[in-house]
Amino acid sequence: MSESKRIVEFERLNTLGKAVFFGGAIAKLAAGAIDRVLQRAADIYVDAERAFKQGMDPDIEDAKILAEDTRLEE
């Protein structure tokens, strides 16, 4: 599907044409915003996964409880 760029003279459009023009512009802006949000979420996911895998060290043992504080149970 070829996307041709047409120059639209807004002043010459009728009411329906102006509504379609604005609807298309809003849809294009919304699609761009959604695309940016999804791309950013994917980047955050990849960065978090990379950081998690780099932080794994087989020489470090799991956390151990050294002492418990029972004052909170009262």
PDB file of N, CA and C in Angstrom:
ATOM      1  N   MET A   1       0.858  -1.170   0.000  1.00  0.00           N
ATOM      2  CA  MET A   1       0.000   0.000   0.000  1.00  0.00           C
ATOM      3  C   MET A   1       0.901   1.229   0.000  1.00  0.00           C
ATOM      4  N   SER A   2       0.785   2.040  -1.000  1.00  0.00           N
ATOM      5  CA  SER A   2       1.611   3.239  -1.081  1.00  0.00           C
ATOM      6  C   SER A   2       0.906   4.395  -0.385  1.00  0.00           C
ATOM      7  N   GLU A   3       1.675   5.080   0.414  1.00  0.00           N
ATOM      8  CA  GLU A   3       1.128   6.217   1.154  1.00  0.00           C
ATOM      9  C   GLU A   3       1.547   7.486   0.433  1.00  0.00           C
ATOM     10  N   SER A   4       0.603   8.148  -0.189  1.00  0.00           N
ATOM     11  CA  SER A   4       0.928   9.371  -0.916  1.00  0.00           C
ATOM     12  C   SER A   4       0.646  10.582  -0.032  1.00  0.00           C
ATOM     13  N   LYS A   5       1.519  11.534  -0.097  1.00  0.00           N
ATOM     14  CA  LYS A   5       1.361  12.771   0.671  1.00  0.00           C
ATOM     15  C   LYS A   5       0.645  13.790  -0.208  1.00  0.00           C
ATOM     16  N   ARG A   6      -0.537  14.156   0.214  1.00  0.00           N
ATOM     17  CA  ARG A   6      -1.298  15.155  -0.524  1.00  0.00           C
ATOM     18  C   ARG A   6      -1.342  16.435   0.283  1.00  0.00           C
ATOM     19  N   ILE A   7      -1.236  17.532  -0.391  1.00  0.00           N
ATOM     20  CA  ILE A   7      -1.371  18.826   0.267  1.00  0.00           C
ATOM     21  C   ILE A   7      -2.858  19.166   0.292  1.00  0.00           C
ATOM     22  N   VAL A   8      -3.379  19.343   1.508  1.00  0.00           N
ATOM     23  CA  VAL A   8      -4.799  19.626   1.675  1.00  0.00           C
ATOM     24  C   VAL A   8      -4.947  21.094   2.045  1.00  0.00           C
ATOM     25  N   GLU A   9      -5.757  21.789   1.283  1.00  0.00           N
ATOM     26  CA  GLU A   9      -6.064  23.187   1.606  1.00  0.00           C
ATOM     27  C   GLU A   9      -7.242  23.178   2.571  1.00  0.00           C
ATOM     28  N   PHE A  10      -6.932  23.376   3.844  1.00  0.00           N
ATOM     29  CA  PHE A  10      -7.927  23.252   4.896  1.00  0.00           C
ATOM     30  C   PHE A  10      -9.104  24.201   4.691  1.00  0.00           C
ATOM     31  N   GLU A  11      -8.830  25.387   4.210  1.00  0.00           N
ATOM     32  CA  GLU A  11      -9.890  26.374   4.028  1.00  0.00           C
ATOM     33  C   GLU A  11     -10.938  25.921   3.007  1.00  0.00           C
ATOM     34  N   ARG A  12     -10.556  25.058   2.093  1.00  0.00           N
ATOM     35  CA  ARG A  12     -11.474  24.630   1.037  1.00  0.00           C
ATOM     36  C   ARG A  12     -12.298  23.409   1.433  1.00  0.00           C
ATOM     37  N   LEU A  13     -12.022  22.824   2.589  1.00  0.00           N
ATOM     38  CA  LEU A  13     -12.772  21.641   3.027  1.00  0.00           C
ATOM     39  C   LEU A  13     -14.129  22.051   3.578  1.00  0.00           C
ATOM     40  N   ASN A  14     -15.126  21.185   3.352  1.00  0.00           N
ATOM     41  CA  ASN A  14     -16.435  21.428   3.968  1.00  0.00           C
ATOM     42  C   ASN A  14     -16.403  20.891   5.399  1.00  0.00           C
ATOM     43  N   THR A  15     -17.514  20.953   6.094  1.00  0.00           N
ATOM     44  CA  THR A  15     -17.566  20.562   7.500  1.00  0.00           C
ATOM     45  C   THR A  15     -17.181  19.098   7.689  1.00  0.00           C
ATOM     46  N   LEU A  16     -17.685  18.234   6.851  1.00  0.00           N
ATOM     47  CA  LEU A  16     -17.350  16.823   6.947  1.00  0.00           C
ATOM     48  C   LEU A  16     -15.858  16.609   6.661  1.00  0.00           C
ATOM     49  N   GLY A  17     -15.336  17.291   5.678  1.00  0.00           N
ATOM     50  CA  GLY A  17     -13.917  17.180   5.356  1.00  0.00           C
ATOM     51  C   GLY A  17     -13.035  17.637   6.496  1.00  0.00           C
ATOM     52  N   LYS A  18     -13.429  18.724   7.167  1.00  0.00           N
ATOM     53  CA  LYS A  18     -12.665  19.208   8.313  1.00  0.00           C
ATOM     54  C   LYS A  18     -12.730  18.214   9.463  1.00  0.00           C
ATOM     55  N   ALA A  19     -13.901  17.608   9.672  1.00  0.00           N
ATOM     56  CA  ALA A  19     -14.042  16.611  10.734  1.00  0.00           C
ATOM     57  C   ALA A  19     -13.147  15.400  10.446  1.00  0.00           C
ATOM     58  N   VAL A  20     -13.130  14.953   9.204  1.00  0.00           N
ATOM     59  CA  VAL A  20     -12.285  13.817   8.824  1.00  0.00           C
ATOM     60  C   VAL A  20     -10.809  14.190   8.978  1.00  0.00           C
ATOM     61  N   PHE A  21     -10.452  15.407   8.579  1.00  0.00           N
ATOM     62  CA  PHE A  21      -9.072  15.876   8.690  1.00  0.00           C
ATOM     63  C   PHE A  21      -8.615  15.856  10.151  1.00  0.00           C
ATOM     64  N   PHE A  22      -9.433  16.435  11.039  1.00  0.00           N
ATOM     65  CA  PHE A  22      -9.083  16.459  12.459  1.00  0.00           C
ATOM     66  C   PHE A  22      -9.075  15.054  13.059  1.00  0.00           C
ATOM     67  N   GLY A  23     -10.035  14.225  12.658  1.00  0.00           N
ATOM     68  CA  GLY A  23     -10.070  12.843  13.153  1.00  0.00           C
ATOM     69  C   GLY A  23      -8.818  12.076  12.762  1.00  0.00           C
ATOM     70  N   GLY A  24      -8.383  12.254  11.531  1.00  0.00           N
ATOM     71  CA  GLY A  24      -7.166  11.591  11.082  1.00  0.00           C
ATOM     72  C   GLY A  24      -5.936  12.098  11.813  1.00  0.00           C
ATOM     73  N   ALA A  25      -5.887  13.399  12.038  1.00  0.00           N
ATOM     74  CA  ALA A  25      -4.750  13.972  12.757  1.00  0.00           C
ATOM     75  C   ALA A  25      -4.698  13.463  14.192  1.00  0.00           C
ATOM     76  N   ILE A  26      -5.843  13.393  14.849  1.00  0.00           N
ATOM     77  CA  ILE A  26      -5.896  12.894  16.225  1.00  0.00           C
ATOM     78  C   ILE A  26      -5.526  11.414  16.269  1.00  0.00           C
ATOM     79  N   ALA A  27      -6.018  10.632  15.316  1.00  0.00           N
ATOM     80  CA  ALA A  27      -5.682   9.212  15.276  1.00  0.00           C
ATOM     81  C   ALA A  27      -4.184   9.012  15.058  1.00  0.00           C
ATOM     82  N   LYS A  28      -3.585   9.816  14.200  1.00  0.00           N
ATOM     83  CA  LYS A  28      -2.152   9.699  13.942  1.00  0.00           C
ATOM     84  C   LYS A  28      -1.342  10.074  15.178  1.00  0.00           C
ATOM     85  N   LEU A  29      -1.751  11.121  15.892  1.00  0.00           N
ATOM     86  CA  LEU A  29      -1.073  11.501  17.131  1.00  0.00           C
ATOM     87  C   LEU A  29      -1.211  10.423  18.204  1.00  0.00           C
ATOM     88  N   ALA A  30      -2.412   9.855  18.325  1.00  0.00           N
ATOM     89  CA  ALA A  30      -2.637   8.808  19.324  1.00  0.00           C
ATOM     90  C   ALA A  30      -1.805   7.568  18.999  1.00  0.00           C
ATOM     91  N   ALA A  31      -1.756   7.191  17.735  1.00  0.00           N
ATOM     92  CA  ALA A  31      -0.961   6.027  17.338  1.00  0.00           C
ATOM     93  C   ALA A  31       0.521   6.261  17.628  1.00  0.00           C
ATOM     94  N   GLY A  32       1.003   7.459  17.377  1.00  0.00           N
ATOM     95  CA  GLY A  32       2.398   7.776  17.676  1.00  0.00           C
ATOM     96  C   GLY A  32       2.684   7.722  19.167  1.00  0.00           C
ATOM     97  N   ALA A  33       1.746   8.227  19.968  1.00  0.00           N
ATOM     98  CA  ALA A  33       1.918   8.207  21.425  1.00  0.00           C
ATOM     99  C   ALA A  33       1.918   6.776  21.947  1.00  0.00           C
ATOM    100  N   ILE A  34       1.014   5.967  21.467  1.00  0.00           N
ATOM    101  CA  ILE A  34       0.953   4.561  21.886  1.00  0.00           C
ATOM    102  C   ILE A  34       2.232   3.838  21.488  1.00  0.00           C
ATOM    103  N   ASP A  35       2.720   4.107  20.297  1.00  0.00           N
ATOM    104  CA  ASP A  35       3.958   3.486  19.832  1.00  0.00           C
ATOM    105  C   ASP A  35       5.135   3.866  20.729  1.00  0.00           C
ATOM    106  N   ARG A  36       5.217   5.134  21.103  1.00  0.00           N
ATOM    107  CA  ARG A  36       6.307   5.578  21.985  1.00  0.00           C
ATOM    108  C   ARG A  36       6.205   4.937  23.368  1.00  0.00           C
ATOM    109  N   VAL A  37       4.987   4.830  23.907  1.00  0.00           N
ATOM    110  CA  VAL A  37       4.796   4.220  25.223  1.00  0.00           C
ATOM    111  C   VAL A  37       5.195   2.743  25.194  1.00  0.00           C
ATOM    112  N   LEU A  38       4.768   2.020  24.164  1.00  0.00           N
ATOM    113  CA  LEU A  38       5.113   0.612  24.065  1.00  0.00           C
ATOM    114  C   LEU A  38       6.611   0.413  23.869  1.00  0.00           C
ATOM    115  N   GLN A  39       7.239   1.269  23.079  1.00  0.00           N
ATOM    116  CA  GLN A  39       8.682   1.172  22.877  1.00  0.00           C
ATOM    117  C   GLN A  39       9.428   1.428  24.181  1.00  0.00           C
ATOM    118  N   ARG A  40       8.984   2.412  24.953  1.00  0.00           N
ATOM    119  CA  ARG A  40       9.624   2.724  26.234  1.00  0.00           C
ATOM    120  C   ARG A  40       9.445   1.571  27.219  1.00  0.00           C
ATOM    121  N   ALA A  41       8.246   0.974  27.249  1.00  0.00           N
ATOM    122  CA  ALA A  41       8.007  -0.165  28.139  1.00  0.00           C
ATOM    123  C   ALA A  41       8.903  -1.340  27.757  1.00  0.00           C
ATOM    124  N   ALA A  42       9.061  -1.588  26.478  1.00  0.00           N
ATOM    125  CA  ALA A  42       9.942  -2.669  26.028  1.00  0.00           C
ATOM    126  C   ALA A  42      11.391  -2.383  26.408  1.00  0.00           C
ATOM    127  N   ASP A  43      11.823  -1.142  26.278  1.00  0.00           N
ATOM    128  CA  ASP A  43      13.188  -0.771  26.659  1.00  0.00           C
ATOM    129  C   ASP A  43      13.413  -0.974  28.159  1.00  0.00           C
ATOM    130  N   ILE A  44      12.429  -0.597  28.971  1.00  0.00           N
ATOM    131  CA  ILE A  44      12.546  -0.765  30.423  1.00  0.00           C
ATOM    132  C   ILE A  44      12.623  -2.247  30.776  1.00  0.00           C
ATOM    133  N   TYR A  45      11.803  -3.065  30.111  1.00  0.00           N
ATOM    134  CA  TYR A  45      11.814  -4.506  30.366  1.00  0.00           C
ATOM    135  C   TYR A  45      13.178  -5.109  30.033  1.00  0.00           C
ATOM    136  N   VAL A  46      13.713  -4.758  28.880  1.00  0.00           N
ATOM    137  CA  VAL A  46      15.012  -5.289  28.460  1.00  0.00           C
ATOM    138  C   VAL A  46      16.108  -4.835  29.421  1.00  0.00           C
ATOM    139  N   ASP A  47      16.089  -3.563  29.822  1.00  0.00           N
ATOM    140  CA  ASP A  47      17.086  -3.058  30.758  1.00  0.00           C
ATOM    141  C   ASP A  47      16.990  -3.747  32.115  1.00  0.00           C
ATOM    142  N   ALA A  48      15.774  -3.972  32.603  1.00  0.00           N
ATOM    143  CA  ALA A  48      15.579  -4.630  33.893  1.00  0.00           C
ATOM    144  C   ALA A  48      16.054  -6.079  33.834  1.00  0.00           C
ATOM    145  N   GLU A  49      15.740  -6.765  32.754  1.00  0.00           N
ATOM    146  CA  GLU A  49      16.179  -8.154  32.612  1.00  0.00           C
ATOM    147  C   GLU A  49      17.706  -8.232  32.542  1.00  0.00           C
ATOM    148  N   ARG A  50      18.317  -7.328  31.801  1.00  0.00           N
ATOM    149  CA  ARG A  50      19.775  -7.305  31.694  1.00  0.00           C
ATOM    150  C   ARG A  50      20.410  -7.029  33.068  1.00  0.00           C
ATOM    151  N   ALA A  51      19.861  -6.080  33.803  1.00  0.00           N
ATOM    152  CA  ALA A  51      20.392  -5.753  35.130  1.00  0.00           C
ATOM    153  C   ALA A  51      20.241  -6.934  36.080  1.00  0.00           C
ATOM    154  N   PHE A  52      19.118  -7.627  35.997  1.00  0.00           N
ATOM    155  CA  PHE A  52      18.905  -8.794  36.860  1.00  0.00           C
ATOM    156  C   PHE A  52      19.924  -9.885  36.556  1.00  0.00           C
ATOM    157  N   LYS A  53      20.123 -10.172  35.282  1.00  0.00           N
ATOM    158  CA  LYS A  53      21.060 -11.235  34.904  1.00  0.00           C
ATOM    159  C   LYS A  53      22.501 -10.869  35.231  1.00  0.00           C
ATOM    160  N   GLN A  54      22.854  -9.608  35.130  1.00  0.00           N
ATOM    161  CA  GLN A  54      24.211  -9.186  35.470  1.00  0.00           C
ATOM    162  C   GLN A  54      24.433  -9.215  36.973  1.00  0.00           C
ATOM    163  N   GLY A  55      23.367  -9.052  37.751  1.00  0.00           N
ATOM    164  CA  GLY A  55      23.474  -9.026  39.201  1.00  0.00           C
ATOM    165  C   GLY A  55      23.526 -10.406  39.828  1.00  0.00           C
ATOM    166  N   MET A  56      23.253 -11.442  39.059  1.00  0.00           N
ATOM    167  CA  MET A  56      23.290 -12.793  39.592  1.00  0.00           C
ATOM    168  C   MET A  56      24.740 -13.250  39.724  1.00  0.00           C
ATOM    169  N   ASP A  57      25.101 -13.667  40.908  1.00  0.00           N
ATOM    170  CA  ASP A  57      26.463 -14.131  41.162  1.00  0.00           C
ATOM    171  C   ASP A  57      26.368 -15.471  41.888  1.00  0.00           C
ATOM    172  N   PRO A  58      26.869 -16.538  41.311  1.00  0.00           N
ATOM    173  CA  PRO A  58      26.743 -17.853  41.952  1.00  0.00           C
ATOM    174  C   PRO A  58      27.544 -17.962  43.255  1.00  0.00           C
ATOM    175  N   ASP A  59      28.478 -17.052  43.501  1.00  0.00           N
ATOM    176  CA  ASP A  59      29.288 -17.110  44.719  1.00  0.00           C
ATOM    177  C   ASP A  59      28.593 -16.466  45.919  1.00  0.00           C
ATOM    178  N   ILE A  60      27.484 -15.793  45.703  1.00  0.00           N
ATOM    179  CA  ILE A  60      26.755 -15.125  46.790  1.00  0.00           C
ATOM    180  C   ILE A  60      25.621 -16.035  47.249  1.00  0.00           C
ATOM    181  N   GLU A  61      25.565 -16.288  48.563  1.00  0.00           N
ATOM    182  CA  GLU A  61      24.513 -17.136  49.106  1.00  0.00           C
ATOM    183  C   GLU A  61      23.214 -16.336  49.256  1.00  0.00           C
ATOM    184  N   ASP A  62      22.110 -17.056  49.439  1.00  0.00           N
ATOM    185  CA  ASP A  62      20.828 -16.401  49.667  1.00  0.00           C
ATOM    186  C   ASP A  62      20.860 -15.645  50.993  1.00  0.00           C
ATOM    187  N   ALA A  63      19.932 -14.714  51.146  1.00  0.00           N
ATOM    188  CA  ALA A  63      19.867 -13.916  52.366  1.00  0.00           C
ATOM    189  C   ALA A  63      19.484 -14.795  53.556  1.00  0.00           C
ATOM    190  N   LYS A  64      20.032 -14.467  54.700  1.00  0.00           N
ATOM    191  CA  LYS A  64      19.735 -15.202  55.935  1.00  0.00           C
ATOM    192  C   LYS A  64      19.218 -14.221  56.975  1.00  0.00           C
ATOM    193  N   ILE A  65      18.264 -14.673  57.772  1.00  0.00           N
ATOM    194  CA  ILE A  65      17.744 -13.843  58.854  1.00  0.00           C
ATOM    195  C   ILE A  65      18.725 -13.938  60.013  1.00  0.00           C
ATOM    196  N   LEU A  66      19.257 -12.809  60.420  1.00  0.00           N
ATOM    197  CA  LEU A  66      20.232 -12.785  61.505  1.00  0.00           C
ATOM    198  C   LEU A  66      19.561 -12.663  62.862  1.00  0.00           C
ATOM    199  N   ALA A  67      18.484 -11.904  62.938  1.00  0.00           N
ATOM    200  CA  ALA A  67      17.777 -11.728  64.199  1.00  0.00           C
ATOM    201  C   ALA A  67      16.345 -11.297  63.891  1.00  0.00           C
ATOM    202  N   GLU A  68      15.436 -11.720  64.777  1.00  0.00           N
ATOM    203  CA  GLU A  68      14.048 -11.309  64.615  1.00  0.00           C
ATOM    204  C   GLU A  68      13.685 -10.366  65.754  1.00  0.00           C
ATOM    205  N   ASP A  69      12.868  -9.376  65.423  1.00  0.00           N
ATOM    206  CA  ASP A  69      12.401  -8.406  66.413  1.00  0.00           C
ATOM    207  C   ASP A  69      10.932  -8.700  66.668  1.00  0.00           C
ATOM    208  N   THR A  70      10.619  -9.140  67.868  1.00  0.00           N
ATOM    209  CA  THR A  70       9.234  -9.536  68.190  1.00  0.00           C
ATOM    210  C   THR A  70       8.418  -8.392  68.769  1.00  0.00           C
ATOM    211  N   ARG A  71       8.974  -7.197  68.894  1.00  0.00           N
ATOM    212  CA  ARG A  71       8.242  -6.073  69.469  1.00  0.00           C
ATOM    213  C   ARG A  71       7.027  -5.676  68.638  1.00  0.00           C
ATOM    214  N   LEU A  72       7.004  -5.977  67.366  1.00  0.00           N
ATOM    215  CA  LEU A  72       5.903  -5.584  66.487  1.00  0.00           C
ATOM    216  C   LEU A  72       4.655  -6.437  66.729  1.00  0.00           C
ATOM    217  N   GLU A  73       4.792  -7.583  67.359  1.00  0.00           N
ATOM    218  CA  GLU A  73       3.656  -8.474  67.588  1.00  0.00           C
ATOM    219  C   GLU A  73       2.779  -8.019  68.733  1.00  0.00           C
ATOM    220  N   GLU A  74       3.232  -7.150  69.605  1.00  0.00           N
ATOM    221  CA  GLU A  74       2.460  -6.713  70.777  1.00  0.00           C
ATOM    222  C   GLU A  74       1.347  -5.794  70.418  1.00  0.00           C
TER     223      GLU A  74
END
